[in-house]
N, C-alpha and C. Protein backbone atom coordinates (compact mmCIF):
# COMPACT_ATOMS: atom_id res chain seq x y z
N UNK A 1 30.37 1.99 32.96
CA UNK A 1 31.59 2.42 33.63
C UNK A 1 31.54 1.99 35.08
N UNK A 2 32.53 1.29 35.51
CA UNK A 2 32.65 0.87 36.90
C UNK A 2 33.82 1.63 37.50
N UNK A 3 33.55 2.35 38.58
CA UNK A 3 34.62 3.10 39.21
C UNK A 3 34.37 3.33 40.68
N UNK A 4 35.42 3.69 41.41
CA UNK A 4 35.28 3.91 42.85
C UNK A 4 35.33 5.37 43.25
N UNK A 5 35.50 6.26 42.30
CA UNK A 5 35.53 7.70 42.59
C UNK A 5 34.21 8.32 42.10
N UNK A 6 33.42 8.81 43.03
CA UNK A 6 32.10 9.33 42.67
C UNK A 6 32.19 10.44 41.63
N UNK A 7 33.02 11.43 41.92
CA UNK A 7 33.06 12.61 41.05
C UNK A 7 33.61 12.29 39.66
N UNK A 8 34.77 11.70 39.58
CA UNK A 8 35.37 11.47 38.26
C UNK A 8 34.78 10.27 37.53
N UNK A 9 34.47 9.19 38.24
CA UNK A 9 33.97 7.99 37.58
C UNK A 9 32.47 8.04 37.33
N UNK A 10 31.70 8.24 38.39
CA UNK A 10 30.24 8.20 38.25
C UNK A 10 29.71 9.43 37.53
N UNK A 11 30.09 10.61 38.00
CA UNK A 11 29.59 11.82 37.35
C UNK A 11 30.14 11.95 35.94
N UNK A 12 31.40 11.58 35.74
CA UNK A 12 31.99 11.62 34.41
C UNK A 12 31.28 10.70 33.44
N UNK A 13 31.01 9.48 33.86
CA UNK A 13 30.30 8.53 33.01
C UNK A 13 28.89 9.02 32.70
N UNK A 14 28.20 9.50 33.71
CA UNK A 14 26.84 9.98 33.52
C UNK A 14 26.79 11.15 32.54
N UNK A 15 27.72 12.07 32.68
CA UNK A 15 27.76 13.22 31.78
C UNK A 15 28.09 12.81 30.34
N UNK A 16 28.78 11.68 30.19
CA UNK A 16 29.11 11.17 28.85
C UNK A 16 28.02 10.26 28.30
N UNK A 17 26.96 10.05 29.09
CA UNK A 17 25.86 9.20 28.65
C UNK A 17 26.12 7.71 28.84
N UNK A 18 27.05 7.38 29.74
CA UNK A 18 27.41 6.00 30.00
C UNK A 18 26.81 5.57 31.34
N UNK A 19 26.25 4.37 31.39
CA UNK A 19 25.69 3.85 32.65
C UNK A 19 26.81 3.72 33.67
N UNK A 20 26.58 4.21 34.87
CA UNK A 20 27.61 4.22 35.91
C UNK A 20 27.33 3.20 37.00
N UNK A 21 28.40 2.56 37.46
CA UNK A 21 28.34 1.66 38.61
C UNK A 21 29.42 2.13 39.58
N UNK A 22 29.00 2.40 40.80
CA UNK A 22 29.92 2.93 41.82
C UNK A 22 30.37 1.81 42.74
N UNK A 23 31.67 1.56 42.81
CA UNK A 23 32.24 0.60 43.74
C UNK A 23 32.53 1.33 45.04
N UNK A 24 31.66 1.15 46.02
CA UNK A 24 31.73 1.86 47.29
C UNK A 24 32.23 0.91 48.37
N UNK A 25 33.52 0.69 48.41
CA UNK A 25 34.11 -0.24 49.38
C UNK A 25 34.10 0.30 50.80
N UNK A 26 34.02 1.62 50.95
CA UNK A 26 34.08 2.22 52.30
C UNK A 26 32.72 2.28 52.98
N UNK A 27 31.64 2.12 52.22
CA UNK A 27 30.30 2.12 52.81
C UNK A 27 29.75 3.49 53.13
N UNK A 28 30.33 4.54 52.55
CA UNK A 28 29.78 5.87 52.79
C UNK A 28 28.43 6.01 52.10
N UNK A 29 27.64 6.96 52.52
CA UNK A 29 26.32 7.17 51.95
C UNK A 29 26.44 7.61 50.50
N UNK A 30 25.67 6.96 49.66
CA UNK A 30 25.67 7.27 48.23
C UNK A 30 25.08 8.66 48.00
N UNK A 31 25.80 9.54 47.32
CA UNK A 31 25.31 10.89 47.09
C UNK A 31 24.00 10.96 46.30
N UNK A 32 23.79 10.04 45.37
CA UNK A 32 22.57 10.03 44.56
C UNK A 32 22.30 8.62 44.06
N UNK A 33 21.53 7.82 44.82
CA UNK A 33 21.29 6.42 44.47
C UNK A 33 20.59 6.23 43.11
N UNK A 34 19.93 7.25 42.63
CA UNK A 34 19.25 7.14 41.34
C UNK A 34 20.22 7.34 40.17
N UNK A 35 21.39 7.84 40.44
CA UNK A 35 22.35 8.15 39.39
C UNK A 35 23.21 6.95 39.00
N UNK A 36 23.48 6.06 39.96
CA UNK A 36 24.36 4.93 39.68
C UNK A 36 24.01 3.72 40.53
N UNK A 37 24.24 2.55 39.97
CA UNK A 37 24.14 1.31 40.73
C UNK A 37 25.31 1.30 41.70
N UNK A 38 25.08 0.84 42.93
CA UNK A 38 26.14 0.81 43.94
C UNK A 38 26.51 -0.63 44.27
N UNK A 39 27.79 -0.93 44.18
CA UNK A 39 28.33 -2.21 44.64
C UNK A 39 29.26 -1.92 45.80
N UNK A 40 29.20 -2.73 46.85
CA UNK A 40 30.10 -2.54 47.98
C UNK A 40 31.24 -3.55 47.96
N UNK A 41 31.10 -4.56 47.11
CA UNK A 41 32.11 -5.61 47.03
C UNK A 41 31.90 -6.39 45.75
N UNK A 42 32.87 -7.17 45.37
CA UNK A 42 32.71 -8.08 44.24
C UNK A 42 32.34 -9.48 44.74
N UNK A 43 31.98 -9.58 46.01
CA UNK A 43 31.59 -10.86 46.60
C UNK A 43 30.15 -10.78 47.10
N UNK A 44 29.34 -11.77 46.86
CA UNK A 44 29.64 -12.92 46.01
C UNK A 44 29.79 -12.48 44.55
N UNK A 45 30.75 -13.07 43.88
CA UNK A 45 31.12 -12.68 42.53
C UNK A 45 29.94 -12.77 41.57
N UNK A 46 29.16 -13.83 41.65
CA UNK A 46 28.04 -14.01 40.72
C UNK A 46 27.02 -12.87 40.85
N UNK A 47 26.74 -12.44 42.06
CA UNK A 47 25.81 -11.33 42.27
C UNK A 47 26.37 -10.05 41.68
N UNK A 48 27.67 -9.80 41.90
CA UNK A 48 28.29 -8.59 41.35
C UNK A 48 28.26 -8.60 39.83
N UNK A 49 28.58 -9.73 39.22
CA UNK A 49 28.57 -9.81 37.76
C UNK A 49 27.17 -9.59 37.21
N UNK A 50 26.17 -10.22 37.81
CA UNK A 50 24.78 -10.03 37.36
C UNK A 50 24.37 -8.57 37.49
N UNK A 51 24.78 -7.92 38.56
CA UNK A 51 24.45 -6.50 38.75
C UNK A 51 25.11 -5.65 37.68
N UNK A 52 26.37 -5.91 37.40
CA UNK A 52 27.10 -5.14 36.40
C UNK A 52 26.48 -5.33 35.03
N UNK A 53 26.09 -6.56 34.71
CA UNK A 53 25.51 -6.85 33.40
C UNK A 53 24.04 -6.46 33.31
N UNK A 54 23.46 -6.08 34.43
CA UNK A 54 22.06 -5.68 34.44
C UNK A 54 21.11 -6.86 34.35
N UNK A 55 21.58 -8.04 34.75
CA UNK A 55 20.74 -9.23 34.72
C UNK A 55 19.92 -9.31 35.99
N UNK A 56 18.65 -9.67 35.87
CA UNK A 56 17.80 -9.77 37.06
C UNK A 56 18.25 -10.90 37.98
N UNK A 57 17.97 -10.73 39.27
CA UNK A 57 18.32 -11.74 40.26
C UNK A 57 17.12 -11.98 41.16
N UNK A 58 17.07 -13.16 41.73
CA UNK A 58 16.03 -13.43 42.71
C UNK A 58 16.47 -12.82 44.04
N UNK A 59 15.60 -12.87 45.03
CA UNK A 59 15.93 -12.26 46.33
C UNK A 59 17.12 -12.93 47.01
N UNK A 60 17.38 -14.21 46.69
CA UNK A 60 18.51 -14.88 47.32
C UNK A 60 19.82 -14.66 46.58
N UNK A 61 19.79 -13.80 45.53
CA UNK A 61 21.00 -13.44 44.81
C UNK A 61 21.34 -14.34 43.64
N UNK A 62 20.50 -15.33 43.37
CA UNK A 62 20.78 -16.20 42.23
C UNK A 62 20.27 -15.57 40.96
N UNK A 63 20.86 -16.00 39.85
CA UNK A 63 20.47 -15.44 38.56
C UNK A 63 19.08 -15.92 38.16
N UNK A 64 18.37 -15.06 37.46
CA UNK A 64 17.07 -15.44 36.94
C UNK A 64 16.98 -15.16 35.45
N UNK A 65 18.12 -14.97 34.80
CA UNK A 65 18.12 -14.65 33.38
C UNK A 65 18.19 -15.91 32.53
N UNK A 66 17.99 -15.75 31.24
CA UNK A 66 18.06 -16.88 30.32
C UNK A 66 19.50 -17.35 30.17
N UNK A 67 20.47 -16.62 30.69
CA UNK A 67 21.86 -17.02 30.60
C UNK A 67 22.30 -17.87 31.77
N UNK A 68 21.39 -18.18 32.66
CA UNK A 68 21.70 -19.00 33.83
C UNK A 68 22.14 -20.39 33.35
N UNK A 69 23.32 -20.84 33.77
CA UNK A 69 23.84 -22.14 33.35
C UNK A 69 22.92 -23.29 33.73
N UNK A 70 22.21 -23.18 34.84
CA UNK A 70 21.34 -24.26 35.28
C UNK A 70 20.08 -24.35 34.44
N UNK A 71 19.78 -23.31 33.67
CA UNK A 71 18.56 -23.30 32.86
C UNK A 71 18.78 -23.89 31.47
N UNK A 72 20.04 -24.15 31.12
CA UNK A 72 20.33 -24.68 29.79
C UNK A 72 20.00 -26.16 29.74
N UNK A 73 19.52 -26.60 28.58
CA UNK A 73 19.20 -28.02 28.44
C UNK A 73 20.08 -28.69 27.42
């Protein structure tokens, strides 16, 4: 579940057993960083998508999963 409202989106998803992702565009302090992944923007798009899909990334934000287009032969 991706949502921008902490109480209804994040807490609601968590209570339903759904992985929560909080879109925090305002930059306020996350009430519980262990409860949900926090995104502040969808830019860069590739980093946001990898985060949403739970795909690992290197420190520079590039994908490191087997789904990386550059890794295909």
